Amino acid sequence: MEKLLWAFIIGGLICVVGQILLDGLKLTPAHTTCALVVVGAVLGGLGLYDPLVKFAGAGASIPISSFGNSLVKGALREFDSSGTIGVLTGIFQITSAGISAAIIFGFLGALIFRPKG
């Protein structure tokens, strides 16, 4: 039960930061998303995001900031085994399923709902 509470609090705080970026700084949704990904990547590169995930569980692993952490984690893992080229290939090993799902479901949604514009 305590883990559930912390997941809710940490996930909510990440969302509050995103909302402050949107409302307070008047950033666009795209800029806010990019900012959260970059923050997750920086925290992951510094080794601070994984302890947050261990502490908060889904509260830290579900928000978009976790995507940035995954990009850095894959790049660093492949850099250790493959060198510099691993930085480019490693980002896709961990995140490829999520990227593919976003493309496929976005395409299917466009077919079903016929967006205008």
PDB file of N, CA and C in Angstrom:
ATOM      1  N   MET A   1       0.819  -1.199   0.000  1.00  0.00           N
ATOM      2  CA  MET A   1       0.000   0.000   0.000  1.00  0.00           C
ATOM      3  C   MET A   1       0.862   1.262   0.000  1.00  0.00           C
ATOM      4  N   GLU A   2       1.977   1.198   0.734  1.00  0.00           N
ATOM      5  CA  GLU A   2       2.868   2.354   0.796  1.00  0.00           C
ATOM      6  C   GLU A   2       3.493   2.629  -0.570  1.00  0.00           C
ATOM      7  N   LYS A   3       3.857   1.563  -1.304  1.00  0.00           N
ATOM      8  CA  LYS A   3       4.434   1.717  -2.644  1.00  0.00           C
ATOM      9  C   LYS A   3       3.429   2.393  -3.580  1.00  0.00           C
ATOM     10  N   LEU A   4       2.171   2.029  -3.460  1.00  0.00           N
ATOM     11  CA  LEU A   4       1.114   2.627  -4.273  1.00  0.00           C
ATOM     12  C   LEU A   4       0.992   4.124  -3.982  1.00  0.00           C
ATOM     13  N   LEU A   5       1.068   4.482  -2.727  1.00  0.00           N
ATOM     14  CA  LEU A   5       0.976   5.888  -2.342  1.00  0.00           C
ATOM     15  C   LEU A   5       2.137   6.695  -2.922  1.00  0.00           C
ATOM     16  N   TRP A   6       3.358   6.156  -2.821  1.00  0.00           N
ATOM     17  CA  TRP A   6       4.519   6.872  -3.353  1.00  0.00           C
ATOM     18  C   TRP A   6       4.470   6.961  -4.870  1.00  0.00           C
ATOM     19  N   ALA A   7       3.982   5.914  -5.523  1.00  0.00           N
ATOM     20  CA  ALA A   7       3.828   5.970  -6.979  1.00  0.00           C
ATOM     21  C   ALA A   7       2.866   7.088  -7.364  1.00  0.00           C
ATOM     22  N   PHE A   8       1.781   7.197  -6.648  1.00  0.00           N
ATOM     23  CA  PHE A   8       0.794   8.251  -6.907  1.00  0.00           C
ATOM     24  C   PHE A   8       1.389   9.630  -6.679  1.00  0.00           C
ATOM     25  N   ILE A   9       2.133   9.807  -5.606  1.00  0.00           N
ATOM     26  CA  ILE A   9       2.713  11.113  -5.273  1.00  0.00           C
ATOM     27  C   ILE A   9       3.781  11.514  -6.281  1.00  0.00           C
ATOM     28  N   ILE A  10       4.708  10.613  -6.573  1.00  0.00           N
ATOM     29  CA  ILE A  10       5.801  10.934  -7.497  1.00  0.00           C
ATOM     30  C   ILE A  10       5.268  11.145  -8.911  1.00  0.00           C
ATOM     31  N   GLY A  11       4.371  10.272  -9.369  1.00  0.00           N
ATOM     32  CA  GLY A  11       3.764  10.449 -10.685  1.00  0.00           C
ATOM     33  C   GLY A  11       2.991  11.756 -10.768  1.00  0.00           C
ATOM     34  N   GLY A  12       2.291  12.085  -9.698  1.00  0.00           N
ATOM     35  CA  GLY A  12       1.556  13.348  -9.656  1.00  0.00           C
ATOM     36  C   GLY A  12       2.479  14.550  -9.684  1.00  0.00           C
ATOM     37  N   LEU A  13       3.608  14.467  -8.998  1.00  0.00           N
ATOM     38  CA  LEU A  13       4.566  15.575  -9.002  1.00  0.00           C
ATOM     39  C   LEU A  13       5.170  15.788 -10.382  1.00  0.00           C
ATOM     40  N   ILE A  14       5.444  14.692 -11.090  1.00  0.00           N
ATOM     41  CA  ILE A  14       5.958  14.821 -12.457  1.00  0.00           C
ATOM     42  C   ILE A  14       4.909  15.509 -13.336  1.00  0.00           C
ATOM     43  N   CYS A  15       3.657  15.135 -13.154  1.00  0.00           N
ATOM     44  CA  CYS A  15       2.578  15.772 -13.918  1.00  0.00           C
ATOM     45  C   CYS A  15       2.415  17.240 -13.538  1.00  0.00           C
ATOM     46  N   VAL A  16       2.594  17.567 -12.266  1.00  0.00           N
ATOM     47  CA  VAL A  16       2.511  18.965 -11.830  1.00  0.00           C
ATOM     48  C   VAL A  16       3.614  19.788 -12.488  1.00  0.00           C
ATOM     49  N   VAL A  17       4.815  19.230 -12.569  1.00  0.00           N
ATOM     50  CA  VAL A  17       5.907  19.937 -13.245  1.00  0.00           C
ATOM     51  C   VAL A  17       5.539  20.197 -14.702  1.00  0.00           C
ATOM     52  N   GLY A  18       4.987  19.193 -15.364  1.00  0.00           N
ATOM     53  CA  GLY A  18       4.550  19.374 -16.750  1.00  0.00           C
ATOM     54  C   GLY A  18       3.480  20.437 -16.874  1.00  0.00           C
ATOM     55  N   GLN A  19       2.548  20.457 -15.954  1.00  0.00           N
ATOM     56  CA  GLN A  19       1.473  21.457 -16.004  1.00  0.00           C
ATOM     57  C   GLN A  19       2.005  22.855 -15.736  1.00  0.00           C
ATOM     58  N   ILE A  20       2.980  22.973 -14.845  1.00  0.00           N
ATOM     59  CA  ILE A  20       3.603  24.277 -14.590  1.00  0.00           C
ATOM     60  C   ILE A  20       4.330  24.769 -15.835  1.00  0.00           C
ATOM     61  N   LEU A  21       4.999  23.852 -16.542  1.00  0.00           N
ATOM     62  CA  LEU A  21       5.664  24.238 -17.787  1.00  0.00           C
ATOM     63  C   LEU A  21       4.648  24.735 -18.814  1.00  0.00           C
ATOM     64  N   LEU A  22       3.512  24.045 -18.885  1.00  0.00           N
ATOM     65  CA  LEU A  22       2.467  24.446 -19.835  1.00  0.00           C
ATOM     66  C   LEU A  22       1.837  25.783 -19.471  1.00  0.00           C
ATOM     67  N   ASP A  23       1.398  25.912 -18.233  1.00  0.00           N
ATOM     68  CA  ASP A  23       0.642  27.091 -17.816  1.00  0.00           C
ATOM     69  C   ASP A  23       1.527  28.258 -17.385  1.00  0.00           C
ATOM     70  N   GLY A  24       2.529  27.960 -16.586  1.00  0.00           N
ATOM     71  CA  GLY A  24       3.349  29.022 -16.025  1.00  0.00           C
ATOM     72  C   GLY A  24       4.319  29.623 -17.021  1.00  0.00           C
ATOM     73  N   LEU A  25       4.989  28.787 -17.793  1.00  0.00           N
ATOM     74  CA  LEU A  25       5.966  29.279 -18.757  1.00  0.00           C
ATOM     75  C   LEU A  25       5.386  29.425 -20.156  1.00  0.00           C
ATOM     76  N   LYS A  26       4.120  29.044 -20.298  1.00  0.00           N
ATOM     77  CA  LYS A  26       3.421  29.150 -21.586  1.00  0.00           C
ATOM     78  C   LYS A  26       4.126  28.365 -22.697  1.00  0.00           C
ATOM     79  N   LEU A  27       4.694  27.203 -22.338  1.00  0.00           N
ATOM     80  CA  LEU A  27       5.304  26.343 -23.343  1.00  0.00           C
ATOM     81  C   LEU A  27       4.219  25.569 -24.080  1.00  0.00           C
ATOM     82  N   THR A  28       4.508  25.196 -25.304  1.00  0.00           N
ATOM     83  CA  THR A  28       3.566  24.373 -26.063  1.00  0.00           C
ATOM     84  C   THR A  28       3.626  22.943 -25.522  1.00  0.00           C
ATOM     85  N   PRO A  29       2.619  22.123 -25.809  1.00  0.00           N
ATOM     86  CA  PRO A  29       2.679  20.719 -25.376  1.00  0.00           C
ATOM     87  C   PRO A  29       3.916  19.993 -25.907  1.00  0.00           C
ATOM     88  N   ALA A  30       4.325  20.292 -27.132  1.00  0.00           N
ATOM     89  CA  ALA A  30       5.517  19.649 -27.693  1.00  0.00           C
ATOM     90  C   ALA A  30       6.772  20.051 -26.927  1.00  0.00           C
ATOM     91  N   HIS A  31       6.887  21.329 -26.586  1.00  0.00           N
ATOM     92  CA  HIS A  31       8.051  21.785 -25.811  1.00  0.00           C
ATOM     93  C   HIS A  31       8.052  21.163 -24.412  1.00  0.00           C
ATOM     94  N   THR A  32       6.894  21.057 -23.823  1.00  0.00           N
ATOM     95  CA  THR A  32       6.794  20.463 -22.488  1.00  0.00           C
ATOM     96  C   THR A  32       7.194  18.993 -22.522  1.00  0.00           C
ATOM     97  N   THR A  33       6.714  18.283 -23.526  1.00  0.00           N
ATOM     98  CA  THR A  33       7.070  16.864 -23.667  1.00  0.00           C
ATOM     99  C   THR A  33       8.571  16.707 -23.845  1.00  0.00           C
ATOM    100  N   CYS A  34       9.151  17.515 -24.710  1.00  0.00           N
ATOM    101  CA  CYS A  34      10.597  17.451 -24.936  1.00  0.00           C
ATOM    102  C   CYS A  34      11.370  17.790 -23.661  1.00  0.00           C
ATOM    103  N   ALA A  35      10.906  18.776 -22.925  1.00  0.00           N
ATOM    104  CA  ALA A  35      11.580  19.147 -21.683  1.00  0.00           C
ATOM    105  C   ALA A  35      11.560  17.996 -20.684  1.00  0.00           C
ATOM    106  N   LEU A  36      10.426  17.316 -20.559  1.00  0.00           N
ATOM    107  CA  LEU A  36      10.341  16.189 -19.624  1.00  0.00           C
ATOM    108  C   LEU A  36      11.216  15.022 -20.077  1.00  0.00           C
ATOM    109  N   VAL A  37      11.302  14.776 -21.378  1.00  0.00           N
ATOM    110  CA  VAL A  37      12.184  13.721 -21.887  1.00  0.00           C
ATOM    111  C   VAL A  37      13.639  14.064 -21.598  1.00  0.00           C
ATOM    112  N   VAL A  38      14.015  15.320 -21.826  1.00  0.00           N
ATOM    113  CA  VAL A  38      15.398  15.736 -21.578  1.00  0.00           C
ATOM    114  C   VAL A  38      15.735  15.653 -20.089  1.00  0.00           C
ATOM    115  N   VAL A  39      14.819  16.065 -19.236  1.00  0.00           N
ATOM    116  CA  VAL A  39      15.059  15.962 -17.786  1.00  0.00           C
ATOM    117  C   VAL A  39      15.243  14.496 -17.389  1.00  0.00           C
ATOM    118  N   GLY A  40      14.410  13.616 -17.923  1.00  0.00           N
ATOM    119  CA  GLY A  40      14.558  12.187 -17.648  1.00  0.00           C
ATOM    120  C   GLY A  40      15.885  11.643 -18.152  1.00  0.00           C
ATOM    121  N   ALA A  41      16.322  12.116 -19.333  1.00  0.00           N
ATOM    122  CA  ALA A  41      17.596  11.677 -19.883  1.00  0.00           C
ATOM    123  C   ALA A  41      18.765  12.159 -19.025  1.00  0.00           C
ATOM    124  N   VAL A  42      18.712  13.399 -18.593  1.00  0.00           N
ATOM    125  CA  VAL A  42      19.792  13.947 -17.752  1.00  0.00           C
ATOM    126  C   VAL A  42      19.844  13.218 -16.414  1.00  0.00           C
ATOM    127  N   LEU A  43      18.686  13.023 -15.798  1.00  0.00           N
ATOM    128  CA  LEU A  43      18.662  12.300 -14.525  1.00  0.00           C
ATOM    129  C   LEU A  43      19.129  10.861 -14.700  1.00  0.00           C
ATOM    130  N   GLY A  44      18.770  10.243 -15.829  1.00  0.00           N
ATOM    131  CA  GLY A  44      19.237   8.886 -16.108  1.00  0.00           C
ATOM    132  C   GLY A  44      20.736   8.850 -16.314  1.00  0.00           C
ATOM    133  N   GLY A  45      21.275   9.826 -17.037  1.00  0.00           N
ATOM    134  CA  GLY A  45      22.712   9.886 -17.262  1.00  0.00           C
ATOM    135  C   GLY A  45      23.503  10.103 -15.986  1.00  0.00           C
ATOM    136  N   LEU A  46      22.908  10.818 -15.050  1.00  0.00           N
ATOM    137  CA  LEU A  46      23.564  11.051 -13.759  1.00  0.00           C
ATOM    138  C   LEU A  46      23.341   9.908 -12.774  1.00  0.00           C
ATOM    139  N   GLY A  47      22.538   8.920 -13.189  1.00  0.00           N
ATOM    140  CA  GLY A  47      22.267   7.773 -12.320  1.00  0.00           C
ATOM    141  C   GLY A  47      21.226   8.051 -11.247  1.00  0.00           C
ATOM    142  N   LEU A  48      20.411   9.081 -11.428  1.00  0.00           N
ATOM    143  CA  LEU A  48      19.421   9.444 -10.418  1.00  0.00           C
ATOM    144  C   LEU A  48      18.015   8.935 -10.727  1.00  0.00           C
ATOM    145  N   TYR A  49      17.749   8.560 -11.987  1.00  0.00           N
ATOM    146  CA  TYR A  49      16.382   8.174 -12.336  1.00  0.00           C
ATOM    147  C   TYR A  49      16.067   6.738 -11.906  1.00  0.00           C
ATOM    148  N   ASP A  50      17.024   5.833 -12.023  1.00  0.00           N
ATOM    149  CA  ASP A  50      16.767   4.440 -11.624  1.00  0.00           C
ATOM    150  C   ASP A  50      16.430   4.302 -10.137  1.00  0.00           C
ATOM    151  N   PRO A  51      17.126   5.009  -9.235  1.00  0.00           N
ATOM    152  CA  PRO A  51      16.693   4.959  -7.835  1.00  0.00           C
ATOM    153  C   PRO A  51      15.281   5.514  -7.639  1.00  0.00           C
ATOM    154  N   LEU A  52      14.908   6.521  -8.431  1.00  0.00           N
ATOM    155  CA  LEU A  52      13.553   7.061  -8.357  1.00  0.00           C
ATOM    156  C   LEU A  52      12.533   6.012  -8.793  1.00  0.00           C
ATOM    157  N   VAL A  53      12.851   5.254  -9.846  1.00  0.00           N
ATOM    158  CA  VAL A  53      11.952   4.188 -10.303  1.00  0.00           C
ATOM    159  C   VAL A  53      11.846   3.087  -9.246  1.00  0.00           C
ATOM    160  N   LYS A  54      12.960   2.750  -8.618  1.00  0.00           N
ATOM    161  CA  LYS A  54      12.920   1.730  -7.553  1.00  0.00           C
ATOM    162  C   LYS A  54      12.068   2.191  -6.378  1.00  0.00           C
ATOM    163  N   PHE A  55      12.120   3.484  -6.094  1.00  0.00           N
ATOM    164  CA  PHE A  55      11.363   4.027  -4.974  1.00  0.00           C
ATOM    165  C   PHE A  55       9.885   4.182  -5.313  1.00  0.00           C
ATOM    166  N   ALA A  56       9.584   4.754  -6.488  1.00  0.00           N
ATOM    167  CA  ALA A  56       8.203   5.104  -6.820  1.00  0.00           C
ATOM    168  C   ALA A  56       7.520   4.127  -7.768  1.00  0.00           C
ATOM    169  N   GLY A  57       8.235   3.186  -8.327  1.00  0.00           N
ATOM    170  CA  GLY A  57       7.631   2.203  -9.226  1.00  0.00           C
ATOM    171  C   GLY A  57       7.009   2.857 -10.448  1.00  0.00           C
ATOM    172  N   ALA A  58       5.740   2.541 -10.704  1.00  0.00           N
ATOM    173  CA  ALA A  58       5.045   3.050 -11.887  1.00  0.00           C
ATOM    174  C   ALA A  58       4.897   4.568 -11.866  1.00  0.00           C
ATOM    175  N   GLY A  59       4.965   5.176 -10.718  1.00  0.00           N
ATOM    176  CA  GLY A  59       4.868   6.624 -10.643  1.00  0.00           C
ATOM    177  C   GLY A  59       6.006   7.323 -11.366  1.00  0.00           C
ATOM    178  N   ALA A  60       7.142   6.638 -11.500  1.00  0.00           N
ATOM    179  CA  ALA A  60       8.279   7.205 -12.212  1.00  0.00           C
ATOM    180  C   ALA A  60       8.534   6.509 -13.547  1.00  0.00           C
ATOM    181  N   SER A  61       8.045   5.281 -13.707  1.00  0.00           N
ATOM    182  CA  SER A  61       8.332   4.555 -14.952  1.00  0.00           C
ATOM    183  C   SER A  61       7.294   4.782 -16.037  1.00  0.00           C
ATOM    184  N   ILE A  62       6.116   5.289 -15.717  1.00  0.00           N
ATOM    185  CA  ILE A  62       5.074   5.516 -16.707  1.00  0.00           C
ATOM    186  C   ILE A  62       5.168   6.895 -17.374  1.00  0.00           C
ATOM    187  N   PRO A  63       5.476   7.987 -16.664  1.00  0.00           N
ATOM    188  CA  PRO A  63       5.515   9.300 -17.317  1.00  0.00           C
ATOM    189  C   PRO A  63       6.555   9.364 -18.440  1.00  0.00           C
ATOM    190  N   ILE A  64       6.434  10.351 -19.303  1.00  0.00           N
ATOM    191  CA  ILE A  64       7.291  10.497 -20.488  1.00  0.00           C
ATOM    192  C   ILE A  64       8.751  10.713 -20.102  1.00  0.00           C
ATOM    193  N   SER A  65       9.015  11.178 -18.904  1.00  0.00           N
ATOM    194  CA  SER A  65      10.403  11.360 -18.472  1.00  0.00           C
ATOM    195  C   SER A  65      11.151  10.038 -18.435  1.00  0.00           C
ATOM    196  N   SER A  66      10.433   8.943 -18.237  1.00  0.00           N
ATOM    197  CA  SER A  66      11.056   7.626 -18.248  1.00  0.00           C
ATOM    198  C   SER A  66      11.579   7.263 -19.632  1.00  0.00           C
ATOM    199  N   PHE A  67      10.967   7.820 -20.688  1.00  0.00           N
ATOM    200  CA  PHE A  67      11.438   7.569 -22.049  1.00  0.00           C
ATOM    201  C   PHE A  67      12.847   8.119 -22.230  1.00  0.00           C
ATOM    202  N   GLY A  68      13.100   9.304 -21.705  1.00  0.00           N
ATOM    203  CA  GLY A  68      14.443   9.879 -21.768  1.00  0.00           C
ATOM    204  C   GLY A  68      15.450   9.028 -21.016  1.00  0.00           C
ATOM    205  N   ASN A  69      15.047   8.530 -19.868  1.00  0.00           N
ATOM    206  CA  ASN A  69      15.908   7.641 -19.099  1.00  0.00           C
ATOM    207  C   ASN A  69      16.220   6.378 -19.898  1.00  0.00           C
ATOM    208  N   SER A  70      15.226   5.824 -20.571  1.00  0.00           N
ATOM    209  CA  SER A  70      15.432   4.611 -21.366  1.00  0.00           C
ATOM    210  C   SER A  70      16.379   4.857 -22.532  1.00  0.00           C
ATOM    211  N   LEU A  71      16.263   6.020 -23.165  1.00  0.00           N
ATOM    212  CA  LEU A  71      17.173   6.354 -24.262  1.00  0.00           C
ATOM    213  C   LEU A  71      18.626   6.370 -23.785  1.00  0.00           C
ATOM    214  N   VAL A  72      18.866   7.033 -22.675  1.00  0.00           N
ATOM    215  CA  VAL A  72      20.228   7.131 -22.147  1.00  0.00           C
ATOM    216  C   VAL A  72      20.719   5.775 -21.661  1.00  0.00           C
ATOM    217  N   LYS A  73      19.863   5.028 -21.002  1.00  0.00           N
ATOM    218  CA  LYS A  73      20.259   3.716 -20.497  1.00  0.00           C
ATOM    219  C   LYS A  73      20.698   2.798 -21.641  1.00  0.00           C
ATOM    220  N   GLY A  74      19.922   2.784 -22.730  1.00  0.00           N
ATOM    221  CA  GLY A  74      20.283   1.965 -23.887  1.00  0.00           C
ATOM    222  C   GLY A  74      21.567   2.434 -24.542  1.00  0.00           C
ATOM    223  N   ALA A  75      21.732   3.747 -24.665  1.00  0.00           N
ATOM    224  CA  ALA A  75      22.937   4.291 -25.284  1.00  0.00           C
ATOM    225  C   ALA A  75      24.176   3.958 -24.464  1.00  0.00           C
ATOM    226  N   LEU A  76      24.097   4.107 -23.161  1.00  0.00           N
ATOM    227  CA  LEU A  76      25.247   3.813 -22.307  1.00  0.00           C
ATOM    228  C   LEU A  76      25.580   2.324 -22.294  1.00  0.00           C
ATOM    229  N   ARG A  77      24.561   1.486 -22.276  1.00  0.00           N
ATOM    230  CA  ARG A  77      24.781   0.032 -22.273  1.00  0.00           C
ATOM    231  C   ARG A  77      25.489  -0.397 -23.560  1.00  0.00           C
ATOM    232  N   GLU A  78      25.021   0.103 -24.687  1.00  0.00           N
ATOM    233  CA  GLU A  78      25.639  -0.271 -25.965  1.00  0.00           C
ATOM    234  C   GLU A  78      26.994   0.397 -26.160  1.00  0.00           C
ATOM    235  N   PHE A  79      27.200   1.569 -25.591  1.00  0.00           N
ATOM    236  CA  PHE A  79      28.511   2.209 -25.667  1.00  0.00           C
ATOM    237  C   PHE A  79      29.559   1.348 -24.985  1.00  0.00           C
ATOM    238  N   ASP A  80      29.190   0.741 -23.859  1.00  0.00           N
ATOM    239  CA  ASP A  80      30.127  -0.119 -23.147  1.00  0.00           C
ATOM    240  C   ASP A  80      30.516  -1.348 -23.957  1.00  0.00           C
ATOM    241  N   SER A  81      29.574  -1.889 -24.736  1.00  0.00           N
ATOM    242  CA  SER A  81      29.864  -3.120 -25.476  1.00  0.00           C
ATOM    243  C   SER A  81      30.304  -2.874 -26.921  1.00  0.00           C
ATOM    244  N   SER A  82      29.829  -1.807 -27.559  1.00  0.00           N
ATOM    245  CA  SER A  82      30.114  -1.603 -28.984  1.00  0.00           C
ATOM    246  C   SER A  82      30.895  -0.330 -29.282  1.00  0.00           C
ATOM    247  N   GLY A  83      31.171   0.469 -28.313  1.00  0.00           N
ATOM    248  CA  GLY A  83      31.890   1.707 -28.561  1.00  0.00           C
ATOM    249  C   GLY A  83      30.968   2.829 -29.004  1.00  0.00           C
ATOM    250  N   THR A  84      31.528   3.762 -29.752  1.00  0.00           N
ATOM    251  CA  THR A  84      30.793   4.965 -30.134  1.00  0.00           C
ATOM    252  C   THR A  84      29.552   4.662 -30.959  1.00  0.00           C
ATOM    253  N   ILE A  85      29.605   3.692 -31.856  1.00  0.00           N
ATOM    254  CA  ILE A  85      28.432   3.372 -32.669  1.00  0.00           C
ATOM    255  C   ILE A  85      27.294   2.852 -31.793  1.00  0.00           C
ATOM    256  N   GLY A  86      27.619   2.298 -30.645  1.00  0.00           N
ATOM    257  CA  GLY A  86      26.603   1.811 -29.715  1.00  0.00           C
ATOM    258  C   GLY A  86      25.703   2.907 -29.181  1.00  0.00           C
ATOM    259  N   VAL A  87      26.211   4.141 -29.133  1.00  0.00           N
ATOM    260  CA  VAL A  87      25.386   5.261 -28.676  1.00  0.00           C
ATOM    261  C   VAL A  87      24.204   5.447 -29.624  1.00  0.00           C
ATOM    262  N   LEU A  88      24.452   5.291 -30.910  1.00  0.00           N
ATOM    263  CA  LEU A  88      23.391   5.466 -31.904  1.00  0.00           C
ATOM    264  C   LEU A  88      22.450   4.274 -31.963  1.00  0.00           C
ATOM    265  N   THR A  89      22.987   3.075 -31.838  1.00  0.00           N
ATOM    266  CA  THR A  89      22.137   1.882 -31.947  1.00  0.00           C
ATOM    267  C   THR A  89      21.459   1.529 -30.633  1.00  0.00           C
ATOM    268  N   GLY A  90      22.064   1.882 -29.530  1.00  0.00           N
ATOM    269  CA  GLY A  90      21.538   1.499 -28.218  1.00  0.00           C
ATOM    270  C   GLY A  90      20.228   2.167 -27.859  1.00  0.00           C
ATOM    271  N   ILE A  91      20.010   3.376 -28.370  1.00  0.00           N
ATOM    272  CA  ILE A  91      18.771   4.065 -28.018  1.00  0.00           C
ATOM    273  C   ILE A  91      17.553   3.356 -28.581  1.00  0.00           C
ATOM    274  N   PHE A  92      17.741   2.589 -29.649  1.00  0.00           N
ATOM    275  CA  PHE A  92      16.605   1.909 -30.267  1.00  0.00           C
ATOM    276  C   PHE A  92      16.343   0.537 -29.673  1.00  0.00           C
ATOM    277  N   GLN A  93      17.327  -0.071 -29.029  1.00  0.00           N
ATOM    278  CA  GLN A  93      17.132  -1.415 -28.492  1.00  0.00           C
ATOM    279  C   GLN A  93      16.111  -1.447 -27.371  1.00  0.00           C
ATOM    280  N   ILE A  94      16.145  -0.492 -26.496  1.00  0.00           N
ATOM    281  CA  ILE A  94      15.207  -0.469 -25.376  1.00  0.00           C
ATOM    282  C   ILE A  94      13.879   0.170 -25.771  1.00  0.00           C
ATOM    283  N   THR A  95      13.923   1.184 -26.624  1.00  0.00           N
ATOM    284  CA  THR A  95      12.724   1.978 -26.904  1.00  0.00           C
ATOM    285  C   THR A  95      12.002   1.607 -28.191  1.00  0.00           C
ATOM    286  N   SER A  96      12.515   0.658 -28.942  1.00  0.00           N
ATOM    287  CA  SER A  96      11.926   0.366 -30.254  1.00  0.00           C
ATOM    288  C   SER A  96      10.481  -0.111 -30.162  1.00  0.00           C
ATOM    289  N   ALA A  97      10.146  -0.885 -29.165  1.00  0.00           N
ATOM    290  CA  ALA A  97       8.760  -1.363 -29.041  1.00  0.00           C
ATOM    291  C   ALA A  97       7.799  -0.205 -28.800  1.00  0.00           C
ATOM    292  N   GLY A  98       8.176   0.726 -27.948  1.00  0.00           N
ATOM    293  CA  GLY A  98       7.319   1.876 -27.672  1.00  0.00           C
ATOM    294  C   GLY A  98       7.183   2.795 -28.871  1.00  0.00           C
ATOM    295  N   ILE A  99       8.282   3.011 -29.592  1.00  0.00           N
ATOM    296  CA  ILE A  99       8.232   3.858 -30.780  1.00  0.00           C
ATOM    297  C   ILE A  99       7.360   3.206 -31.848  1.00  0.00           C
ATOM    298  N   SER A 100       7.549   1.906 -32.054  1.00  0.00           N
ATOM    299  CA  SER A 100       6.749   1.184 -33.057  1.00  0.00           C
ATOM    300  C   SER A 100       5.268   1.213 -32.702  1.00  0.00           C
ATOM    301  N   ALA A 101       4.948   0.995 -31.441  1.00  0.00           N
ATOM    302  CA  ALA A 101       3.545   1.012 -31.019  1.00  0.00           C
ATOM    303  C   ALA A 101       2.927   2.387 -31.244  1.00  0.00           C
ATOM    304  N   ALA A 102       3.663   3.451 -30.951  1.00  0.00           N
ATOM    305  CA  ALA A 102       3.137   4.796 -31.154  1.00  0.00           C
ATOM    306  C   ALA A 102       2.848   5.056 -32.630  1.00  0.00           C
ATOM    307  N   ILE A 103       3.733   4.614 -33.496  1.00  0.00           N
ATOM    308  CA  ILE A 103       3.525   4.818 -34.938  1.00  0.00           C
ATOM    309  C   ILE A 103       2.334   4.005 -35.430  1.00  0.00           C
ATOM    310  N   ILE A 104       2.279   2.735 -35.051  1.00  0.00           N
ATOM    311  CA  ILE A 104       1.204   1.852 -35.524  1.00  0.00           C
ATOM    312  C   ILE A 104      -0.156   2.309 -35.009  1.00  0.00           C
ATOM    313  N   PHE A 105      -0.266   2.581 -33.718  1.00  0.00           N
ATOM    314  CA  PHE A 105      -1.557   2.983 -33.159  1.00  0.00           C
ATOM    315  C   PHE A 105      -1.961   4.383 -33.622  1.00  0.00           C
ATOM    316  N   GLY A 106      -0.985   5.256 -33.846  1.00  0.00           N
ATOM    317  CA  GLY A 106      -1.298   6.565 -34.408  1.00  0.00           C
ATOM    318  C   GLY A 106      -1.859   6.446 -35.819  1.00  0.00           C
ATOM    319  N   PHE A 107      -1.272   5.553 -36.608  1.00  0.00           N
ATOM    320  CA  PHE A 107      -1.768   5.323 -37.966  1.00  0.00           C
ATOM    321  C   PHE A 107      -3.170   4.720 -37.941  1.00  0.00           C
ATOM    322  N   LEU A 108      -3.380   3.726 -37.071  1.00  0.00           N
ATOM    323  CA  LEU A 108      -4.705   3.106 -36.975  1.00  0.00           C
ATOM    324  C   LEU A 108      -5.750   4.114 -36.492  1.00  0.00           C
ATOM    325  N   GLY A 109      -5.378   4.947 -35.532  1.00  0.00           N
ATOM    326  CA  GLY A 109      -6.292   5.977 -35.054  1.00  0.00           C
ATOM    327  C   GLY A 109      -6.659   6.952 -36.156  1.00  0.00           C
ATOM    328  N   ALA A 110      -5.687   7.294 -36.999  1.00  0.00           N
ATOM    329  CA  ALA A 110      -5.948   8.201 -38.123  1.00  0.00           C
ATOM    330  C   ALA A 110      -6.876   7.564 -39.137  1.00  0.00           C
ATOM    331  N   LEU A 111      -6.731   6.253 -39.344  1.00  0.00           N
ATOM    332  CA  LEU A 111      -7.626   5.550 -40.272  1.00  0.00           C
ATOM    333  C   LEU A 111      -9.050   5.493 -39.752  1.00  0.00           C
ATOM    334  N   ILE A 112      -9.189   5.242 -38.472  1.00  0.00           N
ATOM    335  CA  ILE A 112     -10.517   5.069 -37.887  1.00  0.00           C
ATOM    336  C   ILE A 112     -11.249   6.396 -37.743  1.00  0.00           C
ATOM    337  N   PHE A 113     -10.566   7.415 -37.244  1.00  0.00           N
ATOM    338  CA  PHE A 113     -11.244   8.665 -36.899  1.00  0.00           C
ATOM    339  C   PHE A 113     -11.123   9.754 -37.957  1.00  0.00           C
ATOM    340  N   ARG A 114     -10.342   9.557 -39.002  1.00  0.00           N
ATOM    341  CA  ARG A 114     -10.196  10.505 -40.103  1.00  0.00           C
ATOM    342  C   ARG A 114      -9.989  11.940 -39.629  1.00  0.00           C
ATOM    343  N   PRO A 115      -8.822  12.228 -39.096  1.00  0.00           N
ATOM    344  CA  PRO A 115      -8.569  13.593 -38.595  1.00  0.00           C
ATOM    345  C   PRO A 115      -8.548  14.610 -39.728  1.00  0.00           C
ATOM    346  N   LYS A 116      -8.897  15.812 -39.397  1.00  0.00           N
ATOM    347  CA  LYS A 116      -8.880  16.904 -40.372  1.00  0.00           C
ATOM    348  C   LYS A 116      -7.668  17.784 -40.098  1.00  0.00           C
ATOM    349  N   GLY A 117      -7.029  18.234 -41.134  1.00  0.00           N
ATOM    350  CA  GLY A 117      -5.910  19.159 -40.951  1.00  0.00           C
ATOM    351  C   GLY A 117      -4.601  18.655 -41.351  1.00  0.00           C
TER     352      GLY A 117
END
